[in-house]
Amino acid sequence: MISLPLFISGTEIAFIIFIVIMVFGADKVPEIARGLGKGMRQIKDATNDIKSEITKTAERNDIDLDVTKDIKKEIDKAKEDINDITGPIKRSL
């Protein structure tokens, strides 16, 4: 079964395909699919271009893009604080 991030089941996909065939006809479906594929490719390429421009600009201005590193440090610190507080409680049980 095809897994889509939109949580569409196989039955729903089959129903959508059936409606598309009924509305546009079987001979137009490959054309429509090609057009959708090209459109999705253009969106993906544009997104990658934007990401690379942001990365280049950040590198030129010495900006750290690894935000997750700072968040992970804060989470680890919070875990240590919780373990320091709950440690004696866990040992006494």
N, C-alpha and C. Protein backbone atom coordinates (compact mmCIF):
# COMPACT_ATOMS: atom_id res chain seq x y z
N MET A 1 0.83 -1.18 0.00
CA MET A 1 0.00 0.00 0.00
C MET A 1 0.87 1.24 0.00
N ILE A 2 0.43 2.28 -0.65
CA ILE A 2 1.16 3.53 -0.73
C ILE A 2 0.90 4.32 0.55
N SER A 3 1.99 4.79 1.17
CA SER A 3 1.85 5.58 2.38
C SER A 3 2.10 7.04 2.05
N LEU A 4 1.08 7.86 2.24
CA LEU A 4 1.21 9.28 1.98
C LEU A 4 1.18 10.05 3.29
N PRO A 5 1.90 11.16 3.34
CA PRO A 5 1.91 11.93 4.59
C PRO A 5 0.57 12.59 4.89
N LEU A 6 -0.36 12.55 3.95
CA LEU A 6 -1.66 13.17 4.17
C LEU A 6 -2.65 12.20 4.79
N PHE A 7 -2.20 10.99 5.10
CA PHE A 7 -3.02 9.96 5.73
C PHE A 7 -4.23 9.60 4.88
N ILE A 8 -3.98 9.37 3.59
CA ILE A 8 -5.03 8.96 2.67
C ILE A 8 -4.93 7.45 2.52
N SER A 9 -6.05 6.76 2.68
CA SER A 9 -6.02 5.30 2.59
C SER A 9 -6.06 4.86 1.12
N GLY A 10 -5.82 3.58 0.91
CA GLY A 10 -5.83 3.02 -0.43
C GLY A 10 -7.18 3.16 -1.11
N THR A 11 -8.24 3.00 -0.35
CA THR A 11 -9.59 3.14 -0.90
C THR A 11 -9.84 4.56 -1.38
N GLU A 12 -9.39 5.53 -0.60
CA GLU A 12 -9.57 6.93 -0.99
C GLU A 12 -8.77 7.26 -2.24
N ILE A 13 -7.54 6.72 -2.34
CA ILE A 13 -6.72 6.94 -3.54
C ILE A 13 -7.41 6.34 -4.76
N ALA A 14 -7.94 5.13 -4.62
CA ALA A 14 -8.64 4.48 -5.73
C ALA A 14 -9.86 5.31 -6.14
N PHE A 15 -10.59 5.84 -5.18
CA PHE A 15 -11.76 6.66 -5.48
C PHE A 15 -11.36 7.94 -6.22
N ILE A 16 -10.27 8.58 -5.78
CA ILE A 16 -9.80 9.79 -6.44
C ILE A 16 -9.38 9.48 -7.88
N ILE A 17 -8.66 8.37 -8.08
CA ILE A 17 -8.25 7.98 -9.43
C ILE A 17 -9.48 7.71 -10.29
N PHE A 18 -10.48 7.05 -9.75
CA PHE A 18 -11.71 6.78 -10.48
C PHE A 18 -12.39 8.08 -10.91
N ILE A 19 -12.48 9.04 -10.01
CA ILE A 19 -13.10 10.33 -10.34
C ILE A 19 -12.29 11.06 -11.42
N VAL A 20 -10.97 11.03 -11.31
CA VAL A 20 -10.12 11.69 -12.30
C VAL A 20 -10.34 11.07 -13.67
N ILE A 21 -10.41 9.76 -13.74
CA ILE A 21 -10.65 9.08 -15.02
C ILE A 21 -12.02 9.43 -15.57
N MET A 22 -13.01 9.50 -14.70
CA MET A 22 -14.37 9.83 -15.16
C MET A 22 -14.44 11.28 -15.67
N VAL A 23 -13.76 12.20 -15.01
CA VAL A 23 -13.84 13.60 -15.39
C VAL A 23 -12.99 13.91 -16.63
N PHE A 24 -11.75 13.43 -16.64
CA PHE A 24 -10.83 13.81 -17.71
C PHE A 24 -10.70 12.76 -18.81
N GLY A 25 -11.05 11.54 -18.55
CA GLY A 25 -10.89 10.47 -19.54
C GLY A 25 -9.55 9.80 -19.38
N ALA A 26 -9.50 8.54 -19.79
CA ALA A 26 -8.29 7.74 -19.60
C ALA A 26 -7.12 8.25 -20.43
N ASP A 27 -7.38 8.87 -21.58
CA ASP A 27 -6.28 9.34 -22.42
C ASP A 27 -5.60 10.59 -21.87
N LYS A 28 -6.26 11.35 -21.01
CA LYS A 28 -5.68 12.58 -20.44
C LYS A 28 -4.94 12.33 -19.12
N VAL A 29 -5.16 11.20 -18.50
CA VAL A 29 -4.55 10.92 -17.20
C VAL A 29 -3.01 10.96 -17.25
N PRO A 30 -2.35 10.34 -18.25
CA PRO A 30 -0.88 10.43 -18.29
C PRO A 30 -0.38 11.87 -18.44
N GLU A 31 -1.09 12.68 -19.24
CA GLU A 31 -0.72 14.08 -19.39
C GLU A 31 -0.82 14.83 -18.07
N ILE A 32 -1.91 14.59 -17.35
CA ILE A 32 -2.12 15.23 -16.06
C ILE A 32 -1.05 14.80 -15.07
N ALA A 33 -0.73 13.51 -15.06
CA ALA A 33 0.30 13.00 -14.15
C ALA A 33 1.66 13.61 -14.47
N ARG A 34 1.98 13.73 -15.76
CA ARG A 34 3.24 14.35 -16.16
C ARG A 34 3.30 15.80 -15.70
N GLY A 35 2.20 16.51 -15.89
CA GLY A 35 2.15 17.92 -15.46
C GLY A 35 2.30 18.06 -13.96
N LEU A 36 1.63 17.19 -13.21
CA LEU A 36 1.77 17.22 -11.75
C LEU A 36 3.20 16.89 -11.34
N GLY A 37 3.81 15.92 -12.01
CA GLY A 37 5.19 15.55 -11.71
C GLY A 37 6.14 16.70 -11.95
N LYS A 38 5.97 17.39 -13.10
CA LYS A 38 6.82 18.54 -13.41
C LYS A 38 6.62 19.65 -12.39
N GLY A 39 5.37 19.88 -12.00
CA GLY A 39 5.09 20.92 -11.01
C GLY A 39 5.72 20.61 -9.67
N MET A 40 5.60 19.35 -9.24
CA MET A 40 6.20 18.95 -7.97
C MET A 40 7.72 19.08 -8.02
N ARG A 41 8.31 18.73 -9.18
CA ARG A 41 9.76 18.84 -9.34
C ARG A 41 10.21 20.29 -9.25
N GLN A 42 9.44 21.19 -9.88
CA GLN A 42 9.78 22.61 -9.83
C GLN A 42 9.69 23.15 -8.41
N ILE A 43 8.69 22.72 -7.67
CA ILE A 43 8.55 23.15 -6.27
C ILE A 43 9.72 22.64 -5.45
N LYS A 44 10.10 21.37 -5.67
CA LYS A 44 11.22 20.80 -4.93
C LYS A 44 12.52 21.54 -5.26
N ASP A 45 12.75 21.82 -6.55
CA ASP A 45 13.95 22.55 -6.95
C ASP A 45 13.98 23.95 -6.35
N ALA A 46 12.83 24.63 -6.36
CA ALA A 46 12.76 25.97 -5.79
C ALA A 46 13.05 25.94 -4.29
N THR A 47 12.51 24.93 -3.61
CA THR A 47 12.75 24.79 -2.18
C THR A 47 14.23 24.55 -1.90
N ASN A 48 14.85 23.69 -2.69
CA ASN A 48 16.29 23.43 -2.51
C ASN A 48 17.12 24.67 -2.79
N ASP A 49 16.73 25.47 -3.80
CA ASP A 49 17.44 26.71 -4.10
C ASP A 49 17.34 27.68 -2.94
N ILE A 50 16.16 27.80 -2.35
CA ILE A 50 15.96 28.70 -1.22
C ILE A 50 16.81 28.24 -0.03
N LYS A 51 16.81 26.92 0.23
CA LYS A 51 17.61 26.40 1.34
C LYS A 51 19.09 26.69 1.13
N SER A 52 19.58 26.48 -0.10
CA SER A 52 21.00 26.70 -0.35
C SER A 52 21.35 28.18 -0.24
N GLU A 53 20.47 29.06 -0.68
CA GLU A 53 20.72 30.50 -0.54
C GLU A 53 20.77 30.91 0.93
N ILE A 54 19.87 30.38 1.73
CA ILE A 54 19.87 30.68 3.16
C ILE A 54 21.16 30.18 3.80
N THR A 55 21.57 28.97 3.44
CA THR A 55 22.80 28.40 3.99
C THR A 55 24.02 29.22 3.59
N LYS A 56 24.09 29.61 2.31
CA LYS A 56 25.23 30.42 1.84
C LYS A 56 25.29 31.76 2.55
N THR A 57 24.14 32.41 2.68
CA THR A 57 24.09 33.71 3.35
C THR A 57 24.49 33.58 4.82
N ALA A 58 24.02 32.53 5.47
CA ALA A 58 24.37 32.31 6.87
C ALA A 58 25.86 32.05 7.03
N GLU A 59 26.44 31.28 6.11
CA GLU A 59 27.87 31.00 6.19
C GLU A 59 28.69 32.27 5.96
N ARG A 60 28.25 33.12 5.02
CA ARG A 60 28.97 34.37 4.75
C ARG A 60 28.92 35.31 5.96
N ASN A 61 27.83 35.26 6.71
CA ASN A 61 27.65 36.15 7.86
C ASN A 61 27.99 35.47 9.18
N ASP A 62 28.59 34.29 9.13
CA ASP A 62 28.97 33.53 10.33
C ASP A 62 27.80 33.30 11.27
N ILE A 63 26.68 32.89 10.73
CA ILE A 63 25.50 32.58 11.52
C ILE A 63 25.40 31.07 11.65
N ASP A 64 25.19 30.59 12.88
CA ASP A 64 25.07 29.15 13.13
C ASP A 64 23.65 28.70 12.81
N LEU A 65 23.51 27.78 11.87
CA LEU A 65 22.19 27.28 11.49
C LEU A 65 21.79 26.04 12.28
N ASP A 66 22.68 25.52 13.09
CA ASP A 66 22.37 24.30 13.84
C ASP A 66 21.67 24.66 15.15
N VAL A 67 20.41 25.01 15.03
CA VAL A 67 19.61 25.41 16.19
C VAL A 67 19.37 24.21 17.11
N THR A 68 19.30 23.04 16.53
CA THR A 68 18.99 21.85 17.32
C THR A 68 20.06 21.56 18.36
N LYS A 69 21.29 21.96 18.08
CA LYS A 69 22.38 21.74 19.04
C LYS A 69 22.10 22.48 20.34
N ASP A 70 21.67 23.74 20.24
CA ASP A 70 21.36 24.53 21.43
C ASP A 70 20.15 23.95 22.17
N ILE A 71 19.16 23.53 21.43
CA ILE A 71 17.97 22.95 22.06
C ILE A 71 18.33 21.66 22.78
N LYS A 72 19.16 20.82 22.16
CA LYS A 72 19.57 19.56 22.78
C LYS A 72 20.33 19.82 24.08
N LYS A 73 21.18 20.84 24.08
CA LYS A 73 21.92 21.19 25.30
C LYS A 73 20.95 21.56 26.43
N GLU A 74 19.94 22.36 26.11
CA GLU A 74 18.97 22.77 27.12
C GLU A 74 18.17 21.58 27.64
N ILE A 75 17.80 20.67 26.74
CA ILE A 75 17.05 19.48 27.15
C ILE A 75 17.91 18.60 28.05
N ASP A 76 19.17 18.41 27.68
CA ASP A 76 20.07 17.59 28.50
C ASP A 76 20.27 18.22 29.88
N LYS A 77 20.37 19.55 29.92
CA LYS A 77 20.52 20.24 31.21
C LYS A 77 19.28 20.04 32.07
N ALA A 78 18.11 20.14 31.46
CA ALA A 78 16.86 19.94 32.20
C ALA A 78 16.77 18.51 32.72
N LYS A 79 17.19 17.52 31.91
CA LYS A 79 17.18 16.12 32.34
C LYS A 79 18.08 15.93 33.55
N GLU A 80 19.27 16.53 33.51
CA GLU A 80 20.20 16.42 34.63
C GLU A 80 19.60 17.04 35.90
N ASP A 81 18.97 18.19 35.74
CA ASP A 81 18.35 18.84 36.90
C ASP A 81 17.24 17.96 37.48
N ILE A 82 16.44 17.37 36.63
CA ILE A 82 15.36 16.49 37.09
C ILE A 82 15.94 15.27 37.79
N ASN A 83 17.00 14.68 37.21
CA ASN A 83 17.64 13.52 37.84
C ASN A 83 18.25 13.88 39.19
N ASP A 84 18.81 15.09 39.31
CA ASP A 84 19.37 15.53 40.59
C ASP A 84 18.28 15.64 41.65
N ILE A 85 17.12 16.12 41.24
CA ILE A 85 16.01 16.31 42.18
C ILE A 85 15.35 14.98 42.52
N THR A 86 15.11 14.15 41.53
CA THR A 86 14.38 12.90 41.76
C THR A 86 15.28 11.75 42.19
N GLY A 87 16.59 11.92 42.11
CA GLY A 87 17.49 10.85 42.50
C GLY A 87 17.27 10.35 43.91
N PRO A 88 17.27 11.23 44.91
CA PRO A 88 17.04 10.77 46.29
C PRO A 88 15.65 10.16 46.48
N ILE A 89 14.68 10.66 45.77
CA ILE A 89 13.31 10.12 45.88
C ILE A 89 13.27 8.71 45.36
N LYS A 90 13.92 8.46 44.23
CA LYS A 90 13.91 7.11 43.63
C LYS A 90 14.65 6.13 44.54
N ARG A 91 15.72 6.58 45.16
CA ARG A 91 16.49 5.68 46.00
C ARG A 91 15.77 5.30 47.26
N SER A 92 14.93 6.18 47.77
CA SER A 92 14.24 5.90 49.02
C SER A 92 13.05 4.97 48.82
N LEU A 93 12.58 4.80 47.61
CA LEU A 93 11.44 3.93 47.37
C LEU A 93 11.92 2.55 47.29
